[in-house]
Amino acid sequence: MTTLARTALTSMVSNKIQIIGNSLKPPPPAIMKSSIKVPRNNATLPKQGMILNGKTSTVVSLAGVTKVRYAHSDVTVPDFNDYRPSNVSSTSVSEFREREDQRKKDNKTFNYAITAGAWIGGVYVAKSTVELFLKSMSASADVLALASIEVALADVPEGKSVTFKWRGKPLFIRHRTADEIATEEAVNLAELRDPEHDNVRVQKSEFLIVIGICTHLGCVPIADSGDFGGYYCPCHGSHYDASGRIRKGPAPLNLEVPEYTFPSEGIVKVG
């Protein structure tokens, strides 16, 4: 072994190990506390099968490590009697709650009354609006005056049919003879297409009052003509008798009889 190697080995062996002392204080002894009594009647806690011991549990979440306490029944509710005004007591609080309940009931009744009144007012306004709208659409006084006419029966000679204008339509008033009356009353209803007895179509047997429009296509028949001595429609050959009943041709119904009255002797009012 060379002199250099021996010198290095001697230097390594002669080194001393230095021990650094620990300056931390030893922990204090743990003091055991009495066990905490946990109530068993708290039904509001989550039903997770855990034992309620009043201790905190560590929960790891995305927000980090948090501590959760599952039993809060040992927390004392503070008493605020020292902070209440002298004129406030438990009795006054109960009275206040009763007044509040009564006020809510009164407000509810008031709201119901207001709502009912609004509905009634709305219905009345709607009714008035509809009536005003209908009145605006109704016929005026001059139109209503033309809706009915009065005719002197003396102007209609016996055995003739006179045409008048009523509501823009021809009105036939026929003064029938005794032979025409007897003939029309003796007609067999089984022979008629639109069966009606003569007594049903007239109020006074001497006068026949019908609207002069053919029930086929709306033409105006010719009076005192046709195969039955009444009216004849030249458009398609419909024949009516002296009672305005269809007897022959394509017309399906009898001539229409309007509403009319006899307000006085010798006067007829149509409409």
Protein backbone atom coordinates (compact mmCIF):
# COMPACT_ATOMS: atom_id res chain seq x y z
CA MET A 1 0.00 0.00 0.00
CA THR A 2 1.42 3.31 -0.93
CA THR A 3 1.95 6.19 1.42
CA LEU A 4 -0.86 8.22 -0.21
CA ALA A 5 -3.42 5.44 0.23
CA ARG A 6 -2.53 4.91 3.89
CA THR A 7 -2.91 8.63 4.59
CA ALA A 8 -6.42 8.72 3.07
CA LEU A 9 -7.56 5.65 4.99
CA THR A 10 -6.28 7.05 8.28
CA SER A 11 -8.15 10.31 7.68
CA MET A 12 -11.42 8.49 7.10
CA VAL A 13 -11.16 6.34 10.19
CA SER A 14 -10.28 9.24 12.46
CA ASN A 15 -13.48 11.24 11.58
CA LYS A 16 -16.08 11.51 14.39
CA ILE A 17 -19.83 11.31 14.00
CA GLN A 18 -21.62 14.45 15.29
CA ILE A 19 -25.09 13.94 16.79
CA ILE A 20 -27.50 16.88 16.61
CA GLY A 21 -29.95 17.02 19.48
CA ASN A 22 -33.74 17.43 18.97
CA SER A 23 -35.04 20.75 20.30
CA LEU A 24 -38.79 19.81 20.10
CA LYS A 25 -40.73 19.51 23.36
CA PRO A 26 -42.42 16.27 24.18
CA PRO A 27 -46.26 16.30 23.71
CA PRO A 28 -48.38 16.89 26.80
CA PRO A 29 -50.27 13.97 28.22
CA ALA A 30 -53.80 13.44 26.81
CA ILE A 31 -56.72 14.14 29.16
CA MET A 32 -59.67 11.77 28.70
CA LYS A 33 -63.10 13.42 28.82
CA SER A 34 -66.32 11.83 29.86
CA SER A 35 -68.41 10.25 27.12
CA ILE A 36 -71.08 12.41 25.44
CA LYS A 37 -74.67 11.23 25.61
CA VAL A 38 -76.25 11.33 22.19
CA PRO A 39 -80.06 11.64 21.91
CA ARG A 40 -81.77 8.84 20.05
CA ASN A 41 -84.96 10.67 19.02
CA ASN A 42 -83.57 12.92 16.27
CA ALA A 43 -85.27 11.77 13.09
CA THR A 44 -84.09 14.62 10.89
CA LEU A 45 -80.57 13.33 10.33
CA PRO A 46 -79.69 11.58 7.09
CA LYS A 47 -80.47 7.88 7.17
CA GLN A 48 -77.02 6.63 6.32
CA GLY A 49 -76.65 3.98 8.99
CA MET A 50 -74.03 5.98 10.92
CA ILE A 51 -73.76 6.10 14.69
CA LEU A 52 -74.55 9.50 16.17
CA ASN A 53 -71.82 10.19 18.65
CA GLY A 54 -71.65 13.97 18.56
CA LYS A 55 -68.09 13.89 17.21
CA THR A 56 -66.85 15.54 14.07
CA SER A 57 -66.09 13.54 10.97
CA THR A 58 -63.68 14.40 8.21
CA VAL A 59 -65.10 14.52 4.70
CA VAL A 60 -62.92 14.78 1.62
CA SER A 61 -64.52 16.64 -1.30
CA LEU A 62 -63.45 18.71 -4.27
CA ALA A 63 -63.31 21.75 -2.00
CA GLY A 64 -60.81 20.04 0.23
CA VAL A 65 -60.94 18.45 3.63
CA THR A 66 -63.94 19.62 5.67
CA LYS A 67 -65.30 18.66 9.04
CA VAL A 68 -68.94 17.75 9.49
CA ARG A 69 -70.77 17.38 12.74
CA TYR A 70 -73.72 14.99 12.54
CA ALA A 71 -75.24 15.58 15.97
CA HIS A 72 -76.34 19.09 16.93
CA SER A 73 -78.76 18.23 19.71
CA ASP A 74 -76.25 19.16 22.38
CA VAL A 75 -76.16 22.78 21.19
CA THR A 76 -77.85 25.09 23.66
CA VAL A 77 -80.39 27.49 22.16
CA PRO A 78 -79.68 31.00 23.42
CA ASP A 79 -82.26 32.78 25.51
CA PHE A 80 -83.21 36.20 24.16
CA ASN A 81 -85.34 37.29 27.08
CA ASP A 82 -82.65 39.71 28.20
CA TYR A 83 -82.78 41.45 24.81
CA ARG A 84 -86.55 41.75 24.56
CA PRO A 85 -88.22 45.07 25.41
CA SER A 86 -90.02 45.20 28.69
CA ASN A 87 -93.43 45.36 27.01
CA VAL A 88 -92.85 42.16 25.01
CA SER A 89 -93.52 38.82 26.58
CA SER A 90 -94.45 35.33 25.50
CA THR A 91 -98.11 36.26 25.96
CA SER A 92 -97.81 39.30 23.73
CA VAL A 93 -96.03 37.18 21.12
CA SER A 94 -98.88 34.68 21.08
CA GLU A 95 -101.37 37.54 20.84
CA PHE A 96 -99.35 38.99 17.98
CA ARG A 97 -99.47 35.67 16.15
CA GLU A 98 -103.21 35.47 16.65
CA ARG A 99 -103.61 38.99 15.30
CA GLU A 100 -101.46 38.09 12.31
CA ASP A 101 -103.56 35.00 11.60
CA GLN A 102 -106.74 37.06 11.83
CA ARG A 103 -105.23 39.73 9.58
CA LYS A 104 -104.38 37.10 6.97
CA LYS A 105 -107.94 35.80 7.09
CA ASP A 106 -109.33 39.31 6.73
CA ASN A 107 -107.01 40.01 3.82
CA LYS A 108 -108.09 36.79 2.14
CA THR A 109 -111.76 37.73 2.54
CA PHE A 110 -111.04 41.20 1.17
CA ASN A 111 -109.23 39.74 -1.83
CA TYR A 112 -112.14 37.39 -2.52
CA ALA A 113 -114.58 40.29 -2.35
CA ILE A 114 -112.47 42.41 -4.70
CA THR A 115 -112.16 39.51 -7.16
CA ALA A 116 -115.90 38.84 -7.11
CA GLY A 117 -116.64 42.53 -7.64
CA ALA A 118 -114.22 42.66 -10.56
CA TRP A 119 -115.89 39.63 -12.15
CA ILE A 120 -119.37 41.11 -11.73
CA GLY A 121 -118.23 44.43 -13.18
CA GLY A 122 -116.56 42.69 -16.11
CA VAL A 123 -119.69 40.68 -16.88
CA TYR A 124 -121.83 43.81 -16.74
CA VAL A 125 -119.46 45.70 -19.05
CA ALA A 126 -119.40 42.76 -21.47
CA LYS A 127 -123.21 42.59 -21.43
CA SER A 128 -123.51 46.32 -22.14
CA THR A 129 -120.97 46.07 -24.95
CA VAL A 130 -122.81 43.17 -26.59
CA GLU A 131 -126.16 44.96 -26.29
CA LEU A 132 -124.69 48.11 -27.83
CA PHE A 133 -123.17 46.07 -30.65
CA LEU A 134 -126.46 44.29 -31.35
CA LYS A 135 -128.40 47.55 -31.30
CA SER A 136 -125.97 49.05 -33.79
CA MET A 137 -126.59 46.10 -36.10
CA SER A 138 -130.38 46.18 -35.75
CA ALA A 139 -132.58 47.89 -38.30
CA SER A 140 -133.28 51.59 -37.98
CA ALA A 141 -136.71 53.10 -37.40
CA ASP A 142 -137.39 53.78 -41.08
CA VAL A 143 -136.46 50.23 -41.97
CA LEU A 144 -138.71 48.87 -39.24
CA ALA A 145 -141.52 51.03 -40.57
CA LEU A 146 -141.19 49.34 -43.93
CA ALA A 147 -141.09 45.92 -42.27
CA SER A 148 -144.86 45.96 -41.94
CA ILE A 149 -147.51 47.35 -44.25
CA GLU A 150 -151.22 47.94 -43.91
CA VAL A 151 -153.53 47.34 -46.85
CA ALA A 152 -157.15 48.33 -47.22
CA LEU A 153 -159.01 45.22 -48.33
CA ALA A 154 -161.50 47.38 -50.21
CA ASP A 155 -158.73 48.06 -52.73
CA VAL A 156 -158.72 44.38 -53.73
CA PRO A 157 -161.71 43.58 -55.98
CA GLU A 158 -163.47 40.27 -55.65
CA GLY A 159 -162.07 37.52 -57.89
CA LYS A 160 -158.79 39.40 -58.42
CA SER A 161 -155.26 39.23 -57.00
CA VAL A 162 -153.41 42.47 -56.28
CA THR A 163 -149.62 42.63 -55.88
CA PHE A 164 -147.97 44.79 -53.22
CA LYS A 165 -144.29 45.28 -52.30
CA TRP A 166 -143.32 44.12 -48.82
CA ARG A 167 -139.71 43.88 -47.61
CA GLY A 168 -138.54 43.92 -51.20
CA LYS A 169 -140.74 40.96 -52.11
CA PRO A 170 -144.00 40.73 -54.07
CA LEU A 171 -147.02 40.18 -51.84
CA PHE A 172 -150.16 38.63 -53.33
CA ILE A 173 -153.53 39.48 -51.76
CA ARG A 174 -156.38 37.65 -53.45
CA HIS A 175 -160.08 38.36 -52.88
CA ARG A 176 -161.62 34.97 -53.53
CA THR A 177 -165.15 34.28 -54.68
CA ALA A 178 -167.52 31.85 -53.00
CA ASP A 179 -166.95 29.28 -55.76
CA GLU A 180 -163.16 29.47 -55.30
CA ILE A 181 -163.54 29.04 -51.56
CA ALA A 182 -165.75 25.98 -51.95
CA THR A 183 -163.42 24.48 -54.57
CA GLU A 184 -160.28 24.88 -52.46
CA GLU A 185 -161.91 23.58 -49.29
CA ALA A 186 -163.06 20.44 -51.13
CA VAL A 187 -159.57 19.46 -52.38
CA ASN A 188 -158.40 16.00 -51.27
CA LEU A 189 -155.19 16.41 -49.27
CA ALA A 190 -153.89 13.07 -50.54
CA GLU A 191 -153.57 14.62 -54.00
CA LEU A 192 -151.31 17.43 -52.81
CA ARG A 193 -147.51 17.40 -52.90
CA ASP A 194 -147.34 19.66 -49.84
CA PRO A 195 -150.56 18.79 -47.98
CA GLU A 196 -152.23 21.76 -46.27
CA HIS A 197 -155.93 22.39 -45.80
CA ASP A 198 -157.32 25.68 -47.04
CA ASN A 199 -158.48 26.63 -43.54
CA VAL A 200 -154.85 26.48 -42.32
CA ARG A 201 -153.62 28.89 -44.99
CA VAL A 202 -156.19 31.66 -44.50
CA GLN A 203 -157.59 33.56 -41.52
CA LYS A 204 -160.55 34.87 -43.45
CA SER A 205 -161.74 32.58 -46.19
CA GLU A 206 -162.38 35.52 -48.55
CA PHE A 207 -158.76 36.68 -48.60
CA LEU A 208 -155.63 34.72 -49.48
CA ILE A 209 -152.34 36.42 -48.55
CA VAL A 210 -149.10 34.81 -49.80
CA ILE A 211 -145.58 35.84 -50.80
CA GLY A 212 -145.36 35.86 -54.60
CA ILE A 213 -142.12 33.90 -54.98
CA CYS A 214 -142.06 30.45 -56.57
CA THR A 215 -140.63 27.83 -54.21
CA HIS A 216 -138.69 26.23 -57.06
CA LEU A 217 -136.08 28.80 -58.11
CA GLY A 218 -137.51 32.09 -56.84
CA CYS A 219 -139.36 33.35 -59.88
CA VAL A 220 -142.51 35.48 -59.59
CA PRO A 221 -145.65 33.58 -60.64
CA ILE A 222 -148.43 35.10 -62.74
CA ALA A 223 -151.78 35.58 -60.99
CA ASP A 224 -155.11 34.29 -62.33
CA SER A 225 -153.48 31.76 -64.63
CA GLY A 226 -152.46 28.12 -64.73
CA ASP A 227 -154.38 24.87 -64.87
CA PHE A 228 -155.94 25.41 -61.43
CA GLY A 229 -156.99 29.05 -61.69
CA GLY A 230 -154.54 30.34 -59.12
CA TYR A 231 -150.93 31.20 -60.01
CA TYR A 232 -148.57 30.00 -62.71
CA CYS A 233 -144.76 30.26 -62.83
CA PRO A 234 -143.64 30.50 -66.47
CA CYS A 235 -139.98 29.77 -65.65
CA HIS A 236 -140.40 26.02 -65.20
CA GLY A 237 -144.15 25.47 -65.35
CA SER A 238 -145.26 25.31 -61.69
CA HIS A 239 -149.04 25.55 -61.17
CA TYR A 240 -150.63 26.76 -57.91
CA ASP A 241 -154.32 26.78 -57.00
CA ALA A 242 -156.37 29.61 -55.50
CA SER A 243 -155.05 28.64 -52.06
CA GLY A 244 -151.40 29.00 -53.15
CA ARG A 245 -150.76 25.24 -53.00
CA ILE A 246 -148.52 23.53 -55.54
CA ARG A 247 -150.53 21.28 -57.79
CA LYS A 248 -148.30 20.67 -60.79
CA GLY A 249 -144.72 21.33 -61.88
CA PRO A 250 -141.26 21.14 -60.22
CA ALA A 251 -141.93 23.41 -57.22
CA PRO A 252 -141.62 21.36 -54.02
CA LEU A 253 -143.61 23.53 -51.58
CA ASN A 254 -146.65 25.76 -51.41
CA LEU A 255 -146.39 29.54 -51.61
CA GLU A 256 -145.30 30.98 -48.26
CA VAL A 257 -147.95 32.56 -46.05
CA PRO A 258 -146.55 35.56 -44.07
CA GLU A 259 -147.65 36.62 -40.62
CA TYR A 260 -150.51 39.06 -40.75
CA THR A 261 -153.32 40.41 -38.58
CA PHE A 262 -156.53 42.37 -38.97
CA PRO A 263 -156.14 45.36 -36.63
CA SER A 264 -159.50 46.79 -37.72
CA GLU A 265 -162.36 45.98 -40.03
CA GLY A 266 -161.27 46.11 -43.66
CA ILE A 267 -157.55 46.56 -42.82
CA VAL A 268 -154.88 43.88 -42.93
CA LYS A 269 -151.40 44.39 -41.44
CA VAL A 270 -148.64 42.20 -42.84
CA GLY A 271 -145.47 41.74 -40.80
